[in-house]
PDB file of all heavy atoms in Angstrom:
ATOM      1  N   SER A   1       3.808  -3.893  35.770  1.00  0.00           N
ATOM      2  CA  SER A   1       5.271  -3.929  35.612  1.00  0.00           C
ATOM      3  C   SER A   1       5.788  -5.270  35.755  1.00  0.00           C
ATOM      4  O   SER A   1       5.874  -5.895  36.731  1.00  0.00           O
ATOM      5  CB  SER A   1       5.956  -2.906  36.688  1.00  0.00           C
ATOM      6  OG  SER A   1       5.576  -3.380  37.893  1.00  0.00           O
ATOM      7  N   GLU A   2       6.146  -5.883  34.560  1.00  0.00           N
ATOM      8  CA  GLU A   2       6.597  -7.257  34.458  1.00  0.00           C
ATOM      9  C   GLU A   2       7.214  -7.435  33.102  1.00  0.00           C
ATOM     10  O   GLU A   2       7.237  -6.469  32.276  1.00  0.00           O
ATOM     11  CB  GLU A   2       5.461  -8.237  34.720  1.00  0.00           C
ATOM     12  CG  GLU A   2       4.256  -8.068  33.666  1.00  0.00           C
ATOM     13  CD  GLU A   2       3.159  -8.817  33.949  1.00  0.00           C
ATOM     14  OE1 GLU A   2       2.677  -8.953  35.131  1.00  0.00           O
ATOM     15  OE2 GLU A   2       2.497  -9.394  33.020  1.00  0.00           O
ATOM     16  N   VAL A   3       7.626  -8.643  32.753  1.00  0.00           N
ATOM     17  CA  VAL A   3       8.196  -8.955  31.417  1.00  0.00           C
ATOM     18  C   VAL A   3       7.021  -9.302  30.517  1.00  0.00           C
ATOM     19  O   VAL A   3       6.248 -10.163  30.852  1.00  0.00           O
ATOM     20  CB  VAL A   3       9.283 -10.059  31.531  1.00  0.00           C
ATOM     21  CG1 VAL A   3       9.712 -10.382  30.112  1.00  0.00           C
ATOM     22  CG2 VAL A   3      10.415  -9.692  32.406  1.00  0.00           C
ATOM     23  N   VAL A   4       6.963  -8.589  29.436  1.00  0.00           N
ATOM     24  CA  VAL A   4       5.875  -8.903  28.444  1.00  0.00           C
ATOM     25  C   VAL A   4       6.691  -9.422  27.262  1.00  0.00           C
ATOM     26  O   VAL A   4       7.612  -8.831  26.769  1.00  0.00           O
ATOM     27  CB  VAL A   4       5.060  -7.695  28.034  1.00  0.00           C
ATOM     28  CG1 VAL A   4       4.037  -8.044  26.919  1.00  0.00           C
ATOM     29  CG2 VAL A   4       4.376  -7.219  29.192  1.00  0.00           C
ATOM     30  N   GLU A   5       6.312 -10.568  26.694  1.00  0.00           N
ATOM     31  CA  GLU A   5       7.114 -11.214  25.591  1.00  0.00           C
ATOM     32  C   GLU A   5       6.114 -11.308  24.394  1.00  0.00           C
ATOM     33  O   GLU A   5       4.961 -11.810  24.564  1.00  0.00           O
ATOM     34  CB  GLU A   5       7.637 -12.547  26.011  1.00  0.00           C
ATOM     35  CG  GLU A   5       8.511 -13.138  24.925  1.00  0.00           C
ATOM     36  CD  GLU A   5       9.192 -14.421  25.393  1.00  0.00           C
ATOM     37  OE1 GLU A   5      10.078 -14.260  26.324  1.00  0.00           O
ATOM     38  OE2 GLU A   5       8.891 -15.440  24.918  1.00  0.00           O
ATOM     39  N   LEU A   6       6.612 -10.838  23.211  1.00  0.00           N
ATOM     40  CA  LEU A   6       5.858 -11.035  21.950  1.00  0.00           C
ATOM     41  C   LEU A   6       6.829 -11.734  21.021  1.00  0.00           C
ATOM     42  O   LEU A   6       8.059 -11.373  20.906  1.00  0.00           O
ATOM     43  CB  LEU A   6       5.481  -9.613  21.465  1.00  0.00           C
ATOM     44  CG  LEU A   6       4.503  -8.833  22.222  1.00  0.00           C
ATOM     45  CD1 LEU A   6       4.414  -7.443  21.698  1.00  0.00           C
ATOM     46  CD2 LEU A   6       3.126  -9.348  22.291  1.00  0.00           C
ATOM     47  N   THR A   7       6.276 -12.649  20.267  1.00  0.00           N
ATOM     48  CA  THR A   7       7.127 -13.403  19.302  1.00  0.00           C
ATOM     49  C   THR A   7       6.407 -13.421  17.999  1.00  0.00           C
ATOM     50  O   THR A   7       5.185 -13.409  17.945  1.00  0.00           O
ATOM     51  CB  THR A   7       7.302 -14.902  19.730  1.00  0.00           C
ATOM     52  OG1 THR A   7       7.861 -14.901  20.981  1.00  0.00           O
ATOM     53  CG2 THR A   7       8.106 -15.625  18.742  1.00  0.00           C
ATOM     54  N   ALA A   8       7.165 -13.119  16.954  1.00  0.00           N
ATOM     55  CA  ALA A   8       6.597 -12.979  15.606  1.00  0.00           C
ATOM     56  C   ALA A   8       7.554 -13.697  14.594  1.00  0.00           C
ATOM     57  O   ALA A   8       8.822 -13.790  14.909  1.00  0.00           O
ATOM     58  CB  ALA A   8       6.350 -11.590  15.238  1.00  0.00           C
ATOM     59  N   LYS A   9       7.091 -14.017  13.435  1.00  0.00           N
ATOM     60  CA  LYS A   9       7.969 -14.588  12.414  1.00  0.00           C
ATOM     61  C   LYS A   9       7.988 -13.582  11.225  1.00  0.00           C
ATOM     62  O   LYS A   9       7.108 -12.897  10.956  1.00  0.00           O
ATOM     63  CB  LYS A   9       7.389 -15.938  11.853  1.00  0.00           C
ATOM     64  CG  LYS A   9       7.547 -17.044  12.738  1.00  0.00           C
ATOM     65  CD  LYS A   9       7.906 -18.341  11.978  1.00  0.00           C
ATOM     66  CE  LYS A   9       8.067 -19.468  12.845  1.00  0.00           C
ATOM     67  NZ  LYS A   9       9.445 -19.692  13.262  1.00  0.00           N
ATOM     68  N   ILE A  10       9.143 -13.488  10.637  1.00  0.00           N
ATOM     69  CA  ILE A  10       9.261 -12.570   9.521  1.00  0.00           C
ATOM     70  C   ILE A  10       8.681 -13.232   8.296  1.00  0.00           C
ATOM     71  O   ILE A  10       9.020 -14.324   7.934  1.00  0.00           O
ATOM     72  CB  ILE A  10      10.752 -12.293   9.228  1.00  0.00           C
ATOM     73  CG1 ILE A  10      11.362 -11.504  10.431  1.00  0.00           C
ATOM     74  CG2 ILE A  10      10.918 -11.459   7.942  1.00  0.00           C
ATOM     75  CD1 ILE A  10      12.827 -11.197  10.284  1.00  0.00           C
ATOM     76  N   ARG A  11       7.679 -12.557   7.751  1.00  0.00           N
ATOM     77  CA  ARG A  11       6.900 -13.063   6.585  1.00  0.00           C
ATOM     78  C   ARG A  11       7.538 -12.552   5.343  1.00  0.00           C
ATOM     79  O   ARG A  11       7.563 -13.267   4.234  1.00  0.00           O
ATOM     80  CB  ARG A  11       5.412 -12.708   6.603  1.00  0.00           C
ATOM     81  CG  ARG A  11       4.592 -13.125   5.391  1.00  0.00           C
ATOM     82  CD  ARG A  11       3.299 -12.607   5.434  1.00  0.00           C
ATOM     83  NE  ARG A  11       2.373 -13.679   6.126  1.00  0.00           N
ATOM     84  CZ  ARG A  11       1.096 -13.480   6.370  1.00  0.00           C
ATOM     85  NH1 ARG A  11       0.575 -12.400   5.958  1.00  0.00           N
ATOM     86  NH2 ARG A  11       0.460 -14.334   7.079  1.00  0.00           N
ATOM     87  N   ALA A  12       7.952 -11.301   5.287  1.00  0.00           N
ATOM     88  CA  ALA A  12       8.501 -10.680   4.060  1.00  0.00           C
ATOM     89  C   ALA A  12       9.511  -9.602   4.476  1.00  0.00           C
ATOM     90  O   ALA A  12       9.347  -8.995   5.532  1.00  0.00           O
ATOM     91  CB  ALA A  12       7.345 -10.023   3.246  1.00  0.00           C
ATOM     92  N   ILE A  13      10.408  -9.270   3.589  1.00  0.00           N
ATOM     93  CA  ILE A  13      11.398  -8.198   3.760  1.00  0.00           C
ATOM     94  C   ILE A  13      11.547  -7.455   2.500  1.00  0.00           C
ATOM     95  O   ILE A  13      11.777  -8.014   1.409  1.00  0.00           O
ATOM     96  CB  ILE A  13      12.758  -8.795   4.178  1.00  0.00           C
ATOM     97  CG1 ILE A  13      12.741  -9.658   5.456  1.00  0.00           C
ATOM     98  CG2 ILE A  13      13.788  -7.626   4.314  1.00  0.00           C
ATOM     99  CD1 ILE A  13      14.004 -10.349   5.756  1.00  0.00           C
ATOM    100  N   ASP A  14      11.313  -6.132   2.566  1.00  0.00           N
ATOM    101  CA  ASP A  14      11.512  -5.190   1.414  1.00  0.00           C
ATOM    102  C   ASP A  14      12.862  -4.541   1.704  1.00  0.00           C
ATOM    103  O   ASP A  14      12.882  -3.543   2.466  1.00  0.00           O
ATOM    104  CB  ASP A  14      10.393  -4.137   1.284  1.00  0.00           C
ATOM    105  CG  ASP A  14      10.516  -3.226   0.146  1.00  0.00           C
ATOM    106  OD1 ASP A  14      11.695  -3.053  -0.339  1.00  0.00           O
ATOM    107  OD2 ASP A  14       9.509  -2.840  -0.426  1.00  0.00           O
ATOM    108  N   HIS A  15      13.880  -4.930   0.993  1.00  0.00           N
ATOM    109  CA  HIS A  15      15.309  -4.429   1.290  1.00  0.00           C
ATOM    110  C   HIS A  15      15.369  -2.971   0.805  1.00  0.00           C
ATOM    111  O   HIS A  15      16.118  -2.175   1.372  1.00  0.00           O
ATOM    112  CB  HIS A  15      16.288  -5.324   0.709  1.00  0.00           C
ATOM    113  CG  HIS A  15      16.542  -6.616   1.420  1.00  0.00           C
ATOM    114  ND1 HIS A  15      17.318  -6.737   2.546  1.00  0.00           N
ATOM    115  CD2 HIS A  15      15.975  -7.870   1.142  1.00  0.00           C
ATOM    116  CE1 HIS A  15      17.184  -8.046   3.020  1.00  0.00           C
ATOM    117  NE2 HIS A  15      16.359  -8.641   2.185  1.00  0.00           N
ATOM    118  N   ASP A  16      14.708  -2.596  -0.281  1.00  0.00           N
ATOM    119  CA  ASP A  16      14.787  -1.263  -0.777  1.00  0.00           C
ATOM    120  C   ASP A  16      14.277  -0.183   0.150  1.00  0.00           C
ATOM    121  O   ASP A  16      14.890   0.930   0.324  1.00  0.00           O
ATOM    122  CB  ASP A  16      14.039  -1.199  -2.191  1.00  0.00           C
ATOM    123  CG  ASP A  16      14.709  -2.002  -3.223  1.00  0.00           C
ATOM    124  OD1 ASP A  16      15.953  -2.264  -3.150  1.00  0.00           O
ATOM    125  OD2 ASP A  16      14.065  -2.370  -4.162  1.00  0.00           O
ATOM    126  N   TYR A  17      13.130  -0.583   0.806  1.00  0.00           N
ATOM    127  CA  TYR A  17      12.573   0.427   1.667  1.00  0.00           C
ATOM    128  C   TYR A  17      12.765   0.082   3.107  1.00  0.00           C
ATOM    129  O   TYR A  17      12.105   0.671   4.043  1.00  0.00           O
ATOM    130  CB  TYR A  17      10.968   0.511   1.380  1.00  0.00           C
ATOM    131  CG  TYR A  17      10.759   1.130   0.102  1.00  0.00           C
ATOM    132  CD1 TYR A  17      10.487   0.395  -1.065  1.00  0.00           C
ATOM    133  CD2 TYR A  17      10.894   2.486  -0.167  1.00  0.00           C
ATOM    134  CE1 TYR A  17      10.256   0.903  -2.339  1.00  0.00           C
ATOM    135  CE2 TYR A  17      10.714   3.119  -1.412  1.00  0.00           C
ATOM    136  CZ  TYR A  17      10.405   2.235  -2.474  1.00  0.00           C
ATOM    137  OH  TYR A  17      10.237   2.837  -3.751  1.00  0.00           O
ATOM    138  N   ARG A  18      13.487  -1.022   3.459  1.00  0.00           N
ATOM    139  CA  ARG A  18      13.740  -1.447   4.795  1.00  0.00           C
ATOM    140  C   ARG A  18      12.488  -1.746   5.626  1.00  0.00           C
ATOM    141  O   ARG A  18      12.330  -1.380   6.728  1.00  0.00           O
ATOM    142  CB  ARG A  18      14.586  -0.431   5.525  1.00  0.00           C
ATOM    143  CG  ARG A  18      16.014  -0.271   4.849  1.00  0.00           C
ATOM    144  CD  ARG A  18      16.911   0.712   5.639  1.00  0.00           C
ATOM    145  NE  ARG A  18      17.306   0.204   6.991  1.00  0.00           N
ATOM    146  CZ  ARG A  18      18.393  -0.463   7.318  1.00  0.00           C
ATOM    147  NH1 ARG A  18      19.226  -0.754   6.372  1.00  0.00           N
ATOM    148  NH2 ARG A  18      18.693  -0.857   8.557  1.00  0.00           N
ATOM    149  N   LEU A  19      11.592  -2.382   4.926  1.00  0.00           N
ATOM    150  CA  LEU A  19      10.339  -2.805   5.572  1.00  0.00           C
ATOM    151  C   LEU A  19      10.280  -4.274   6.003  1.00  0.00           C
ATOM    152  O   LEU A  19      10.743  -5.100   5.149  1.00  0.00           O
ATOM    153  CB  LEU A  19       9.143  -2.538   4.678  1.00  0.00           C
ATOM    154  CG  LEU A  19       9.011  -1.010   4.363  1.00  0.00           C
ATOM    155  CD1 LEU A  19       7.809  -0.865   3.289  1.00  0.00           C
ATOM    156  CD2 LEU A  19       8.667  -0.178   5.576  1.00  0.00           C
ATOM    157  N   VAL A  20       9.841  -4.632   7.129  1.00  0.00           N
ATOM    158  CA  VAL A  20       9.817  -6.042   7.587  1.00  0.00           C
ATOM    159  C   VAL A  20       8.269  -6.369   7.908  1.00  0.00           C
ATOM    160  O   VAL A  20       7.684  -5.542   8.690  1.00  0.00           O
ATOM    161  CB  VAL A  20      10.699  -6.236   8.753  1.00  0.00           C
ATOM    162  CG1 VAL A  20      10.635  -7.662   9.233  1.00  0.00           C
ATOM    163  CG2 VAL A  20      12.157  -5.896   8.554  1.00  0.00           C
ATOM    164  N   THR A  21       7.794  -7.385   7.284  1.00  0.00           N
ATOM    165  CA  THR A  21       6.441  -7.817   7.592  1.00  0.00           C
ATOM    166  C   THR A  21       6.511  -8.919   8.579  1.00  0.00           C
ATOM    167  O   THR A  21       7.205  -9.951   8.353  1.00  0.00           O
ATOM    168  CB  THR A  21       5.634  -8.152   6.315  1.00  0.00           C
ATOM    169  OG1 THR A  21       5.662  -7.059   5.459  1.00  0.00           O
ATOM    170  CG2 THR A  21       4.309  -8.579   6.692  1.00  0.00           C
ATOM    171  N   LEU A  22       5.903  -8.792   9.732  1.00  0.00           N
ATOM    172  CA  LEU A  22       5.847  -9.737  10.823  1.00  0.00           C
ATOM    173  C   LEU A  22       4.506 -10.327  11.087  1.00  0.00           C
ATOM    174  O   LEU A  22       3.495  -9.564  10.926  1.00  0.00           O
ATOM    175  CB  LEU A  22       6.416  -9.097  12.113  1.00  0.00           C
ATOM    176  CG  LEU A  22       7.873  -8.561  12.024  1.00  0.00           C
ATOM    177  CD1 LEU A  22       8.044  -7.625  13.251  1.00  0.00           C
ATOM    178  CD2 LEU A  22       8.844  -9.612  12.061  1.00  0.00           C
ATOM    179  N   VAL A  23       4.487 -11.597  11.372  1.00  0.00           N
ATOM    180  CA  VAL A  23       3.199 -12.124  11.715  1.00  0.00           C
ATOM    181  C   VAL A  23       3.377 -12.714  13.276  1.00  0.00           C
ATOM    182  O   VAL A  23       4.183 -13.543  13.482  1.00  0.00           O
ATOM    183  CB  VAL A  23       2.867 -13.414  10.849  1.00  0.00           C
ATOM    184  CG1 VAL A  23       1.512 -14.045  11.268  1.00  0.00           C
ATOM    185  CG2 VAL A  23       2.907 -12.930   9.424  1.00  0.00           C
ATOM    186  N   SER A  24       2.508 -12.201  14.123  1.00  0.00           N
ATOM    187  CA  SER A  24       2.572 -12.604  15.531  1.00  0.00           C
ATOM    188  C   SER A  24       1.985 -13.973  15.734  1.00  0.00           C
ATOM    189  O   SER A  24       1.345 -14.624  14.773  1.00  0.00           O
ATOM    190  CB  SER A  24       1.801 -11.623  16.378  1.00  0.00           C
ATOM    191  OG  SER A  24       0.475 -11.671  16.121  1.00  0.00           O
ATOM    192  N   GLU A  25       2.171 -14.539  16.877  1.00  0.00           N
ATOM    193  CA  GLU A  25       1.640 -15.944  17.120  1.00  0.00           C
ATOM    194  C   GLU A  25       0.123 -15.951  17.023  1.00  0.00           C
ATOM    195  O   GLU A  25      -0.363 -17.016  16.626  1.00  0.00           O
ATOM    196  CB  GLU A  25       2.072 -16.420  18.563  1.00  0.00           C
ATOM    197  CG  GLU A  25       3.544 -16.520  18.682  1.00  0.00           C
ATOM    198  CD  GLU A  25       3.966 -16.777  20.184  1.00  0.00           C
ATOM    199  OE1 GLU A  25       3.298 -16.271  21.078  1.00  0.00           O
ATOM    200  OE2 GLU A  25       5.003 -17.486  20.283  1.00  0.00           O
ATOM    201  N   ASP A  26      -0.606 -14.852  17.173  1.00  0.00           N
ATOM    202  CA  ASP A  26      -2.055 -14.921  17.096  1.00  0.00           C
ATOM    203  C   ASP A  26      -2.503 -14.471  15.675  1.00  0.00           C
ATOM    204  O   ASP A  26      -3.649 -14.238  15.477  1.00  0.00           O
ATOM    205  CB  ASP A  26      -2.713 -14.061  18.158  1.00  0.00           C
ATOM    206  CG  ASP A  26      -2.387 -12.575  18.099  1.00  0.00           C
ATOM    207  OD1 ASP A  26      -1.605 -12.229  17.120  1.00  0.00           O
ATOM    208  OD2 ASP A  26      -2.856 -11.820  18.888  1.00  0.00           O
ATOM    209  N   GLY A  27      -1.656 -14.362  14.700  1.00  0.00           N
ATOM    210  CA  GLY A  27      -1.957 -14.108  13.314  1.00  0.00           C
ATOM    211  C   GLY A  27      -1.976 -12.672  12.932  1.00  0.00           C
ATOM    212  O   GLY A  27      -2.258 -12.298  11.825  1.00  0.00           O
ATOM    213  N   GLU A  28      -1.653 -11.727  13.952  1.00  0.00           N
ATOM    214  CA  GLU A  28      -1.619 -10.262  13.548  1.00  0.00           C
ATOM    215  C   GLU A  28      -0.456 -10.040  12.543  1.00  0.00           C
ATOM    216  O   GLU A  28       0.632 -10.491  12.872  1.00  0.00           O
ATOM    217  CB  GLU A  28      -1.385  -9.442  14.849  1.00  0.00           C
ATOM    218  CG  GLU A  28      -2.553  -9.293  15.756  1.00  0.00           C
ATOM    219  CD  GLU A  28      -3.580  -8.335  15.212  1.00  0.00           C
ATOM    220  OE1 GLU A  28      -3.148  -7.386  14.617  1.00  0.00           O
ATOM    221  OE2 GLU A  28      -4.782  -8.626  15.333  1.00  0.00           O
ATOM    222  N   VAL A  29      -0.719  -9.282  11.592  1.00  0.00           N
ATOM    223  CA  VAL A  29       0.269  -8.962  10.584  1.00  0.00           C
ATOM    224  C   VAL A  29       0.601  -7.447  10.743  1.00  0.00           C
ATOM    225  O   VAL A  29      -0.290  -6.621  10.783  1.00  0.00           O
ATOM    226  CB  VAL A  29      -0.169  -9.232   9.171  1.00  0.00           C
ATOM    227  CG1 VAL A  29       0.838  -8.899   8.142  1.00  0.00           C
ATOM    228  CG2 VAL A  29      -0.573 -10.752   9.015  1.00  0.00           C
ATOM    229  N   GLU A  30       1.915  -7.172  10.814  1.00  0.00           N
ATOM    230  CA  GLU A  30       2.309  -5.829  10.985  1.00  0.00           C
ATOM    231  C   GLU A  30       3.547  -5.613  10.076  1.00  0.00           C
ATOM    232  O   GLU A  30       4.502  -6.418  10.202  1.00  0.00           O
ATOM    233  CB  GLU A  30       2.722  -5.552  12.394  1.00  0.00           C
ATOM    234  CG  GLU A  30       2.951  -4.129  12.761  1.00  0.00           C
ATOM    235  CD  GLU A  30       1.734  -3.192  12.740  1.00  0.00           C
ATOM    236  OE1 GLU A  30       0.644  -3.670  13.193  1.00  0.00           O
ATOM    237  OE2 GLU A  30       1.847  -2.077  12.328  1.00  0.00           O
ATOM    238  N   THR A  31       3.546  -4.477   9.383  1.00  0.00           N
ATOM    239  CA  THR A  31       4.765  -4.135   8.595  1.00  0.00           C
ATOM    240  C   THR A  31       5.342  -3.019   9.277  1.00  0.00           C
ATOM    241  O   THR A  31       4.774  -1.957   9.575  1.00  0.00           O
ATOM    242  CB  THR A  31       4.426  -3.818   7.083  1.00  0.00           C
ATOM    243  OG1 THR A  31       3.785  -5.010   6.499  1.00  0.00           O
ATOM    244  CG2 THR A  31       5.648  -3.432   6.315  1.00  0.00           C
ATOM    245  N   ILE A  32       6.661  -3.028   9.435  1.00  0.00           N
ATOM    246  CA  ILE A  32       7.392  -1.955  10.294  1.00  0.00           C
ATOM    247  C   ILE A  32       8.590  -1.602   9.484  1.00  0.00           C
ATOM    248  O   ILE A  32       9.124  -2.339   8.594  1.00  0.00           O
ATOM    249  CB  ILE A  32       7.768  -2.545  11.721  1.00  0.00           C
ATOM    250  CG1 ILE A  32       8.600  -3.719  11.545  1.00  0.00           C
ATOM    251  CG2 ILE A  32       6.546  -2.709  12.503  1.00  0.00           C
ATOM    252  CD1 ILE A  32       9.163  -4.244  12.898  1.00  0.00           C
ATOM    253  N   TYR A  33       9.097  -0.374   9.708  1.00  0.00           N
ATOM    254  CA  TYR A  33      10.208   0.257   9.174  1.00  0.00           C
ATOM    255  C   TYR A  33      11.421  -0.147  10.010  1.00  0.00           C
ATOM    256  O   TYR A  33      11.267   0.223  11.257  1.00  0.00           O
ATOM    257  CB  TYR A  33      10.016   1.697   8.949  1.00  0.00           C
ATOM    258  CG  TYR A  33      11.280   2.446   8.553  1.00  0.00           C
ATOM    259  CD1 TYR A  33      11.821   2.269   7.260  1.00  0.00           C
ATOM    260  CD2 TYR A  33      11.965   3.319   9.396  1.00  0.00           C
ATOM    261  CE1 TYR A  33      12.999   2.912   6.822  1.00  0.00           C
ATOM    262  CE2 TYR A  33      13.059   3.927   8.976  1.00  0.00           C
ATOM    263  CZ  TYR A  33      13.570   3.750   7.694  1.00  0.00           C
ATOM    264  OH  TYR A  33      14.740   4.403   7.388  1.00  0.00           O
ATOM    265  N   ALA A  34      12.476  -0.719   9.543  1.00  0.00           N
ATOM    266  CA  ALA A  34      13.724  -0.849  10.184  1.00  0.00           C
ATOM    267  C   ALA A  34      14.646   0.249   9.919  1.00  0.00           C
ATOM    268  O   ALA A  34      15.295   0.104   8.830  1.00  0.00           O
ATOM    269  CB  ALA A  34      14.305  -2.305   9.922  1.00  0.00           C
ATOM    270  N   GLY A  35      14.802   1.173  10.643  1.00  0.00           N
ATOM    271  CA  GLY A  35      15.679   2.366  10.409  1.00  0.00           C
ATOM    272  C   GLY A  35      17.139   2.061  10.332  1.00  0.00           C
ATOM    273  O   GLY A  35      17.584   0.955  10.509  1.00  0.00           O
ATOM    274  N   PRO A  36      17.898   3.058   9.946  1.00  0.00           N
ATOM    275  CA  PRO A  36      19.363   2.755   9.783  1.00  0.00           C
ATOM    276  C   PRO A  36      20.085   2.355  11.032  1.00  0.00           C
ATOM    277  O   PRO A  36      21.153   1.842  10.985  1.00  0.00           O
ATOM    278  CB  PRO A  36      19.877   4.162   9.290  1.00  0.00           C
ATOM    279  CG  PRO A  36      18.785   5.181   9.714  1.00  0.00           C
ATOM    280  CD  PRO A  36      17.496   4.427   9.728  1.00  0.00           C
ATOM    281  N   GLU A  37      19.421   2.628  12.241  1.00  0.00           N
ATOM    282  CA  GLU A  37      20.066   2.143  13.437  1.00  0.00           C
ATOM    283  C   GLU A  37      20.109   0.646  13.566  1.00  0.00           C
ATOM    284  O   GLU A  37      20.741   0.068  14.384  1.00  0.00           O
ATOM    285  CB  GLU A  37      19.338   2.719  14.695  1.00  0.00           C
ATOM    286  CG  GLU A  37      17.929   2.335  14.884  1.00  0.00           C
ATOM    287  CD  GLU A  37      16.946   3.087  14.050  1.00  0.00           C
ATOM    288  OE1 GLU A  37      17.296   4.020  13.214  1.00  0.00           O
ATOM    289  OE2 GLU A  37      15.694   2.861  14.204  1.00  0.00           O
ATOM    290  N   VAL A  38      19.223  -0.055  12.782  1.00  0.00           N
ATOM    291  CA  VAL A  38      19.240  -1.583  12.737  1.00  0.00           C
ATOM    292  C   VAL A  38      20.477  -1.920  11.818  1.00  0.00           C
ATOM    293  O   VAL A  38      20.316  -2.074  10.607  1.00  0.00           O
ATOM    294  CB  VAL A  38      17.981  -2.130  12.191  1.00  0.00           C
ATOM    295  CG1 VAL A  38      18.033  -3.665  12.189  1.00  0.00           C
ATOM    296  CG2 VAL A  38      16.788  -1.634  13.092  1.00  0.00           C
ATOM    297  N   LYS A  39      21.668  -1.977  12.376  1.00  0.00           N
ATOM    298  CA  LYS A  39      22.896  -2.265  11.661  1.00  0.00           C
ATOM    299  C   LYS A  39      22.959  -3.519  10.896  1.00  0.00           C
ATOM    300  O   LYS A  39      23.562  -3.662   9.854  1.00  0.00           O
ATOM    301  CB  LYS A  39      24.090  -2.056  12.561  1.00  0.00           C
ATOM    302  CG  LYS A  39      24.138  -0.707  13.140  1.00  0.00           C
ATOM    303  CD  LYS A  39      24.491   0.398  12.146  1.00  0.00           C
ATOM    304  CE  LYS A  39      24.610   1.727  12.828  1.00  0.00           C
ATOM    305  NZ  LYS A  39      24.480   2.806  11.972  1.00  0.00           N
ATOM    306  N   ARG A  40      22.357  -4.619  11.389  1.00  0.00           N
ATOM    307  CA  ARG A  40      22.388  -5.960  10.859  1.00  0.00           C
ATOM    308  C   ARG A  40      21.155  -6.339  10.095  1.00  0.00           C
ATOM    309  O   ARG A  40      20.782  -7.487   9.926  1.00  0.00           O
ATOM    310  CB  ARG A  40      22.800  -6.838  11.953  1.00  0.00           C
ATOM    311  CG  ARG A  40      24.037  -6.631  12.605  1.00  0.00           C
ATOM    312  CD  ARG A  40      24.393  -7.516  13.789  1.00  0.00           C
ATOM    313  NE  ARG A  40      24.589  -8.861  13.382  1.00  0.00           N
ATOM    314  CZ  ARG A  40      24.859  -9.879  14.232  1.00  0.00           C
ATOM    315  NH1 ARG A  40      24.886  -9.664  15.444  1.00  0.00           N
ATOM    316  NH2 ARG A  40      25.085 -11.046  13.752  1.00  0.00           N
ATOM    317  N   PHE A  41      20.516  -5.318   9.480  1.00  0.00           N
ATOM    318  CA  PHE A  41      19.316  -5.492   8.766  1.00  0.00           C
ATOM    319  C   PHE A  41      19.405  -6.566   7.599  1.00  0.00           C
ATOM    320  O   PHE A  41      18.561  -7.410   7.496  1.00  0.00           O
ATOM    321  CB  PHE A  41      18.837  -4.160   8.113  1.00  0.00           C
ATOM    322  CG  PHE A  41      17.613  -4.241   7.254  1.00  0.00           C
ATOM    323  CD1 PHE A  41      16.341  -4.423   7.874  1.00  0.00           C
ATOM    324  CD2 PHE A  41      17.740  -4.279   5.899  1.00  0.00           C
ATOM    325  CE1 PHE A  41      15.209  -4.491   7.070  1.00  0.00           C
ATOM    326  CE2 PHE A  41      16.598  -4.387   5.072  1.00  0.00           C
ATOM    327  CZ  PHE A  41      15.337  -4.473   5.596  1.00  0.00           C
ATOM    328  N   ASP A  42      20.518  -6.520   6.867  1.00  0.00           N
ATOM    329  CA  ASP A  42      20.714  -7.462   5.779  1.00  0.00           C
ATOM    330  C   ASP A  42      20.903  -8.929   6.235  1.00  0.00           C
ATOM    331  O   ASP A  42      20.785  -9.806   5.409  1.00  0.00           O
ATOM    332  CB  ASP A  42      21.945  -7.038   4.909  1.00  0.00           C
ATOM    333  CG  ASP A  42      21.716  -5.712   4.162  1.00  0.00           C
ATOM    334  OD1 ASP A  42      20.562  -5.419   3.944  1.00  0.00           O
ATOM    335  OD2 ASP A  42      22.693  -4.984   3.972  1.00  0.00           O
ATOM    336  N   GLU A  43      21.080  -9.107   7.524  1.00  0.00           N
ATOM    337  CA  GLU A  43      21.114 -10.534   8.031  1.00  0.00           C
ATOM    338  C   GLU A  43      19.752 -11.098   8.366  1.00  0.00           C
ATOM    339  O   GLU A  43      19.744 -12.287   8.559  1.00  0.00           O
ATOM    340  CB  GLU A  43      21.974 -10.581   9.276  1.00  0.00           C
ATOM    341  CG  GLU A  43      23.414 -10.169   9.050  1.00  0.00           C
ATOM    342  CD  GLU A  43      24.297 -10.122  10.264  1.00  0.00           C
ATOM    343  OE1 GLU A  43      24.052 -11.047  11.169  1.00  0.00           O
ATOM    344  OE2 GLU A  43      25.072  -9.305  10.408  1.00  0.00           O
TER     345      GLU A  43
END
């Protein structure tokens, strides 16, 4: 039980499907869905 911090850079954004591809500091690539609750997605 402590603070765990993860940092990633946005590599790509698919606005039609609301997908964000992130690359972590160690090179892991993950594409995630940003649902409608992410109100500022377009920013």
